Amino acid sequence: FIVPAELFPARFRSTCHGISGAMGK
């Protein structure tokens, strides 16, 4: 939950976290 919120640029951060979480589900 933490790492995807720290790795990506601001304009992609929420999107990439959502993609990571969706793969989790």
PDB file of all heavy atoms in Angstrom:
ATOM      1  N   PHE A   1       0.826  -1.207   0.000  1.00  0.00           N
ATOM      2  CA  PHE A   1       0.000   0.000   0.000  1.00  0.00           C
ATOM      3  C   PHE A   1       0.864   1.263   0.000  1.00  0.00           C
ATOM      4  O   PHE A   1       0.478   2.294  -0.566  1.00  0.00           O
ATOM      5  CB  PHE A   1      -0.908  -0.016   1.232  1.00  0.00           C
ATOM      6  CG  PHE A   1      -1.829   1.163   1.354  1.00  0.00           C
ATOM      7  CD1 PHE A   1      -3.007   1.234   0.628  1.00  0.00           C
ATOM      8  CD2 PHE A   1      -1.524   2.204   2.218  1.00  0.00           C
ATOM      9  CE1 PHE A   1      -3.864   2.325   0.748  1.00  0.00           C
ATOM     10  CE2 PHE A   1      -2.380   3.289   2.366  1.00  0.00           C
ATOM     11  CZ  PHE A   1      -3.541   3.350   1.621  1.00  0.00           C
ATOM     12  N   ILE A   2       2.043   1.181   0.608  1.00  0.00           N
ATOM     13  CA  ILE A   2       2.895   2.358   0.772  1.00  0.00           C
ATOM     14  C   ILE A   2       3.723   2.651  -0.469  1.00  0.00           C
ATOM     15  O   ILE A   2       3.753   3.796  -0.965  1.00  0.00           O
ATOM     16  CB  ILE A   2       3.827   2.156   1.986  1.00  0.00           C
ATOM     17  CG1 ILE A   2       3.014   2.080   3.274  1.00  0.00           C
ATOM     18  CG2 ILE A   2       4.864   3.278   2.076  1.00  0.00           C
ATOM     19  CD1 ILE A   2       3.831   1.700   4.496  1.00  0.00           C
ATOM     20  N   VAL A   3       4.414   1.659  -1.007  1.00  0.00           N
ATOM     21  CA  VAL A   3       5.419   1.887  -2.046  1.00  0.00           C
ATOM     22  C   VAL A   3       4.855   2.535  -3.310  1.00  0.00           C
ATOM     23  O   VAL A   3       5.465   3.463  -3.851  1.00  0.00           O
ATOM     24  CB  VAL A   3       6.154   0.569  -2.365  1.00  0.00           C
ATOM     25  CG1 VAL A   3       7.106   0.750  -3.549  1.00  0.00           C
ATOM     26  CG2 VAL A   3       6.926   0.089  -1.141  1.00  0.00           C
ATOM     27  N   PRO A   4       3.690   2.112  -3.831  1.00  0.00           N
ATOM     28  CA  PRO A   4       3.189   2.765  -5.054  1.00  0.00           C
ATOM     29  C   PRO A   4       2.887   4.253  -4.866  1.00  0.00           C
ATOM     30  O   PRO A   4       2.863   5.002  -5.846  1.00  0.00           O
ATOM     31  CB  PRO A   4       1.899   1.991  -5.369  1.00  0.00           C
ATOM     32  CG  PRO A   4       2.047   0.690  -4.684  1.00  0.00           C
ATOM     33  CD  PRO A   4       2.828   0.976  -3.444  1.00  0.00           C
ATOM     34  N   ALA A   5       2.661   4.686  -3.639  1.00  0.00           N
ATOM     35  CA  ALA A   5       2.390   6.102  -3.380  1.00  0.00           C
ATOM     36  C   ALA A   5       3.661   6.928  -3.314  1.00  0.00           C
ATOM     37  O   ALA A   5       3.594   8.153  -3.164  1.00  0.00           O
ATOM     38  CB  ALA A   5       1.610   6.254  -2.079  1.00  0.00           C
ATOM     39  N   GLU A   6       4.833   6.275  -3.435  1.00  0.00           N
ATOM     40  CA  GLU A   6       6.102   6.977  -3.290  1.00  0.00           C
ATOM     41  C   GLU A   6       6.972   6.953  -4.540  1.00  0.00           C
ATOM     42  O   GLU A   6       7.916   7.731  -4.639  1.00  0.00           O
ATOM     43  CB  GLU A   6       6.903   6.356  -2.139  1.00  0.00           C
ATOM     44  CG  GLU A   6       6.216   6.430  -0.783  1.00  0.00           C
ATOM     45  CD  GLU A   6       7.066   5.831   0.324  1.00  0.00           C
ATOM     46  OE1 GLU A   6       7.564   4.691   0.139  1.00  0.00           O
ATOM     47  OE2 GLU A   6       7.247   6.491   1.343  1.00  0.00           O
ATOM     48  N   LEU A   7       6.690   6.079  -5.486  1.00  0.00           N
ATOM     49  CA  LEU A   7       7.630   5.850  -6.585  1.00  0.00           C
ATOM     50  C   LEU A   7       7.366   6.672  -7.843  1.00  0.00           C
ATOM     51  O   LEU A   7       8.295   6.909  -8.610  1.00  0.00           O
ATOM     52  CB  LEU A   7       7.612   4.361  -6.966  1.00  0.00           C
ATOM     53  CG  LEU A   7       8.522   3.430  -6.168  1.00  0.00           C
ATOM     54  CD1 LEU A   7       8.345   1.993  -6.640  1.00  0.00           C
ATOM     55  CD2 LEU A   7       9.979   3.845  -6.317  1.00  0.00           C
ATOM     56  N   PHE A   8       6.149   7.099  -8.081  1.00  0.00           N
ATOM     57  CA  PHE A   8       5.784   7.600  -9.399  1.00  0.00           C
ATOM     58  C   PHE A   8       5.633   9.119  -9.414  1.00  0.00           C
ATOM     59  O   PHE A   8       5.396   9.742  -8.376  1.00  0.00           O
ATOM     60  CB  PHE A   8       4.492   6.925  -9.870  1.00  0.00           C
ATOM     61  CG  PHE A   8       4.594   5.429  -9.917  1.00  0.00           C
ATOM     62  CD1 PHE A   8       4.093   4.647  -8.882  1.00  0.00           C
ATOM     63  CD2 PHE A   8       5.221   4.797 -10.970  1.00  0.00           C
ATOM     64  CE1 PHE A   8       4.201   3.270  -8.903  1.00  0.00           C
ATOM     65  CE2 PHE A   8       5.344   3.419 -11.009  1.00  0.00           C
ATOM     66  CZ  PHE A   8       4.827   2.651  -9.971  1.00  0.00           C
ATOM     67  N   PRO A   9       5.752   9.742 -10.603  1.00  0.00           N
ATOM     68  CA  PRO A   9       5.579  11.199 -10.716  1.00  0.00           C
ATOM     69  C   PRO A   9       4.189  11.627 -10.269  1.00  0.00           C
ATOM     70  O   PRO A   9       3.226  10.852 -10.316  1.00  0.00           O
ATOM     71  CB  PRO A   9       5.783  11.458 -12.219  1.00  0.00           C
ATOM     72  CG  PRO A   9       6.542  10.291 -12.720  1.00  0.00           C
ATOM     73  CD  PRO A   9       6.124   9.121 -11.887  1.00  0.00           C
ATOM     74  N   ALA A  10       4.069  12.876  -9.856  1.00  0.00           N
ATOM     75  CA  ALA A  10       2.809  13.383  -9.308  1.00  0.00           C
ATOM     76  C   ALA A  10       1.658  13.221 -10.281  1.00  0.00           C
ATOM     77  O   ALA A  10       0.533  12.918  -9.869  1.00  0.00           O
ATOM     78  CB  ALA A  10       2.972  14.850  -8.910  1.00  0.00           C
ATOM     79  N   ARG A  11       1.915  13.400 -11.581  1.00  0.00           N
ATOM     80  CA  ARG A  11       0.817  13.344 -12.560  1.00  0.00           C
ATOM     81  C   ARG A  11       0.366  11.924 -12.858  1.00  0.00           C
ATOM     82  O   ARG A  11      -0.665  11.719 -13.500  1.00  0.00           O
ATOM     83  CB  ARG A  11       1.246  14.037 -13.854  1.00  0.00           C
ATOM     84  CG  ARG A  11       2.362  13.328 -14.572  1.00  0.00           C
ATOM     85  CD  ARG A  11       2.992  14.218 -15.651  1.00  0.00           C
ATOM     86  NE  ARG A  11       4.032  13.521 -16.373  1.00  0.00           N
ATOM     87  CZ  ARG A  11       5.257  13.301 -15.895  1.00  0.00           C
ATOM     88  NH1 ARG A  11       5.573  13.695 -14.684  1.00  0.00           N
ATOM     89  NH2 ARG A  11       6.156  12.671 -16.626  1.00  0.00           N
ATOM     90  N   PHE A  12       1.148  10.896 -12.380  1.00  0.00           N
ATOM     91  CA  PHE A  12       0.779   9.496 -12.573  1.00  0.00           C
ATOM     92  C   PHE A  12       0.602   8.747 -11.255  1.00  0.00           C
ATOM     93  O   PHE A  12       0.267   7.574 -11.254  1.00  0.00           O
ATOM     94  CB  PHE A  12       1.851   8.757 -13.394  1.00  0.00           C
ATOM     95  CG  PHE A  12       2.082   9.321 -14.764  1.00  0.00           C
ATOM     96  CD1 PHE A  12       3.378   9.472 -15.251  1.00  0.00           C
ATOM     97  CD2 PHE A  12       1.029   9.706 -15.570  1.00  0.00           C
ATOM     98  CE1 PHE A  12       3.601   9.982 -16.512  1.00  0.00           C
ATOM     99  CE2 PHE A  12       1.243  10.225 -16.840  1.00  0.00           C
ATOM    100  CZ  PHE A  12       2.537  10.357 -17.308  1.00  0.00           C
ATOM    101  N   ARG A  13       0.837   9.402 -10.143  1.00  0.00           N
ATOM    102  CA  ARG A  13       0.953   8.707  -8.852  1.00  0.00           C
ATOM    103  C   ARG A  13      -0.333   7.973  -8.468  1.00  0.00           C
ATOM    104  O   ARG A  13      -0.316   6.797  -8.120  1.00  0.00           O
ATOM    105  CB  ARG A  13       1.340   9.709  -7.765  1.00  0.00           C
ATOM    106  CG  ARG A  13       1.644   9.071  -6.414  1.00  0.00           C
ATOM    107  CD  ARG A  13       2.285  10.094  -5.493  1.00  0.00           C
ATOM    108  NE  ARG A  13       3.604  10.462  -5.980  1.00  0.00           N
ATOM    109  CZ  ARG A  13       4.053  11.714  -6.068  1.00  0.00           C
ATOM    110  NH1 ARG A  13       3.276  12.716  -5.695  1.00  0.00           N
ATOM    111  NH2 ARG A  13       5.269  11.960  -6.520  1.00  0.00           N
ATOM    112  N   SER A  14      -1.447   8.655  -8.519  1.00  0.00           N
ATOM    113  CA  SER A  14      -2.721   8.045  -8.149  1.00  0.00           C
ATOM    114  C   SER A  14      -3.106   6.936  -9.126  1.00  0.00           C
ATOM    115  O   SER A  14      -3.603   5.881  -8.730  1.00  0.00           O
ATOM    116  CB  SER A  14      -3.812   9.121  -8.093  1.00  0.00           C
ATOM    117  OG  SER A  14      -5.052   8.567  -7.749  1.00  0.00           O
ATOM    118  N   THR A  15      -2.859   7.178 -10.416  1.00  0.00           N
ATOM    119  CA  THR A  15      -3.177   6.163 -11.445  1.00  0.00           C
ATOM    120  C   THR A  15      -2.383   4.890 -11.216  1.00  0.00           C
ATOM    121  O   THR A  15      -2.938   3.774 -11.239  1.00  0.00           O
ATOM    122  CB  THR A  15      -2.887   6.712 -12.847  1.00  0.00           C
ATOM    123  OG1 THR A  15      -3.665   7.884 -13.073  1.00  0.00           O
ATOM    124  CG2 THR A  15      -3.214   5.682 -13.911  1.00  0.00           C
ATOM    125  N   CYS A  16      -1.079   5.022 -11.004  1.00  0.00           N
ATOM    126  CA  CYS A  16      -0.233   3.845 -10.832  1.00  0.00           C
ATOM    127  C   CYS A  16      -0.550   3.109  -9.537  1.00  0.00           C
ATOM    128  O   CYS A  16      -0.474   1.872  -9.484  1.00  0.00           O
ATOM    129  CB  CYS A  16       1.236   4.261 -10.873  1.00  0.00           C
ATOM    130  SG  CYS A  16       1.791   4.806 -12.506  1.00  0.00           S
ATOM    131  N   HIS A  17      -0.905   3.844  -8.496  1.00  0.00           N
ATOM    132  CA  HIS A  17      -1.331   3.173  -7.257  1.00  0.00           C
ATOM    133  C   HIS A  17      -2.623   2.400  -7.512  1.00  0.00           C
ATOM    134  O   HIS A  17      -2.788   1.266  -7.034  1.00  0.00           O
ATOM    135  CB  HIS A  17      -1.540   4.205  -6.150  1.00  0.00           C
ATOM    136  CG  HIS A  17      -1.646   3.607  -4.778  1.00  0.00           C
ATOM    137  ND1 HIS A  17      -2.775   2.929  -4.345  1.00  0.00           N
ATOM    138  CD2 HIS A  17      -0.762   3.560  -3.741  1.00  0.00           C
ATOM    139  CE1 HIS A  17      -2.578   2.499  -3.107  1.00  0.00           C
ATOM    140  NE2 HIS A  17      -1.376   2.869  -2.716  1.00  0.00           N
ATOM    141  N   GLY A  18      -3.549   3.010  -8.273  1.00  0.00           N
ATOM    142  CA  GLY A  18      -4.794   2.323  -8.593  1.00  0.00           C
ATOM    143  C   GLY A  18      -4.574   1.065  -9.416  1.00  0.00           C
ATOM    144  O   GLY A  18      -5.217   0.036  -9.180  1.00  0.00           O
ATOM    145  N   ILE A  19      -3.646   1.134 -10.374  1.00  0.00           N
ATOM    146  CA  ILE A  19      -3.333  -0.049 -11.188  1.00  0.00           C
ATOM    147  C   ILE A  19      -2.740  -1.152 -10.316  1.00  0.00           C
ATOM    148  O   ILE A  19      -3.113  -2.332 -10.420  1.00  0.00           O
ATOM    149  CB  ILE A  19      -2.362   0.329 -12.320  1.00  0.00           C
ATOM    150  CG1 ILE A  19      -3.053   1.253 -13.332  1.00  0.00           C
ATOM    151  CG2 ILE A  19      -1.837  -0.917 -13.030  1.00  0.00           C
ATOM    152  CD1 ILE A  19      -2.117   1.852 -14.355  1.00  0.00           C
ATOM    153  N   SER A  20      -1.819  -0.783  -9.432  1.00  0.00           N
ATOM    154  CA  SER A  20      -1.191  -1.770  -8.541  1.00  0.00           C
ATOM    155  C   SER A  20      -2.233  -2.413  -7.637  1.00  0.00           C
ATOM    156  O   SER A  20      -2.266  -3.635  -7.464  1.00  0.00           O
ATOM    157  CB  SER A  20      -0.102  -1.096  -7.707  1.00  0.00           C
ATOM    158  OG  SER A  20       0.886  -0.502  -8.526  1.00  0.00           O
ATOM    159  N   GLY A  21      -3.105  -1.567  -7.042  1.00  0.00           N
ATOM    160  CA  GLY A  21      -4.143  -2.095  -6.169  1.00  0.00           C
ATOM    161  C   GLY A  21      -5.142  -2.961  -6.915  1.00  0.00           C
ATOM    162  O   GLY A  21      -5.625  -3.974  -6.378  1.00  0.00           O
ATOM    163  N   ALA A  22      -5.476  -2.577  -8.154  1.00  0.00           N
ATOM    164  CA  ALA A  22      -6.417  -3.374  -8.949  1.00  0.00           C
ATOM    165  C   ALA A  22      -5.844  -4.758  -9.239  1.00  0.00           C
ATOM    166  O   ALA A  22      -6.563  -5.765  -9.189  1.00  0.00           O
ATOM    167  CB  ALA A  22      -6.743  -2.644 -10.254  1.00  0.00           C
ATOM    168  N   MET A  23      -4.547  -4.811  -9.536  1.00  0.00           N
ATOM    169  CA  MET A  23      -3.922  -6.120  -9.732  1.00  0.00           C
ATOM    170  C   MET A  23      -3.974  -6.941  -8.453  1.00  0.00           C
ATOM    171  O   MET A  23      -4.131  -8.169  -8.489  1.00  0.00           O
ATOM    172  CB  MET A  23      -2.474  -5.943 -10.188  1.00  0.00           C
ATOM    173  CG  MET A  23      -2.337  -5.522 -11.643  1.00  0.00           C
ATOM    174  SD  MET A  23      -3.096  -6.725 -12.768  1.00  0.00           S
ATOM    175  CE  MET A  23      -2.123  -8.187 -12.410  1.00  0.00           C
ATOM    176  N   GLY A  24      -3.854  -6.259  -7.312  1.00  0.00           N
ATOM    177  CA  GLY A  24      -3.987  -6.977  -6.049  1.00  0.00           C
ATOM    178  C   GLY A  24      -5.347  -7.603  -5.894  1.00  0.00           C
ATOM    179  O   GLY A  24      -5.474  -8.758  -5.470  1.00  0.00           O
ATOM    180  N   LYS A  25      -6.397  -6.866  -6.246  1.00  0.00           N
ATOM    181  CA  LYS A  25      -7.749  -7.404  -6.095  1.00  0.00           C
ATOM    182  C   LYS A  25      -8.038  -8.483  -7.131  1.00  0.00           C
ATOM    183  O   LYS A  25      -8.851  -9.371  -6.889  1.00  0.00           O
ATOM    184  CB  LYS A  25      -8.769  -6.266  -6.198  1.00  0.00           C
ATOM    185  CG  LYS A  25      -8.699  -5.334  -4.992  1.00  0.00           C
ATOM    186  CD  LYS A  25      -8.851  -6.114  -3.688  1.00  0.00           C
ATOM    187  CE  LYS A  25      -8.637  -5.262  -2.451  1.00  0.00           C
ATOM    188  NZ  LYS A  25      -7.189  -5.009  -2.186  1.00  0.00           N
TER     189      LYS A  25
END
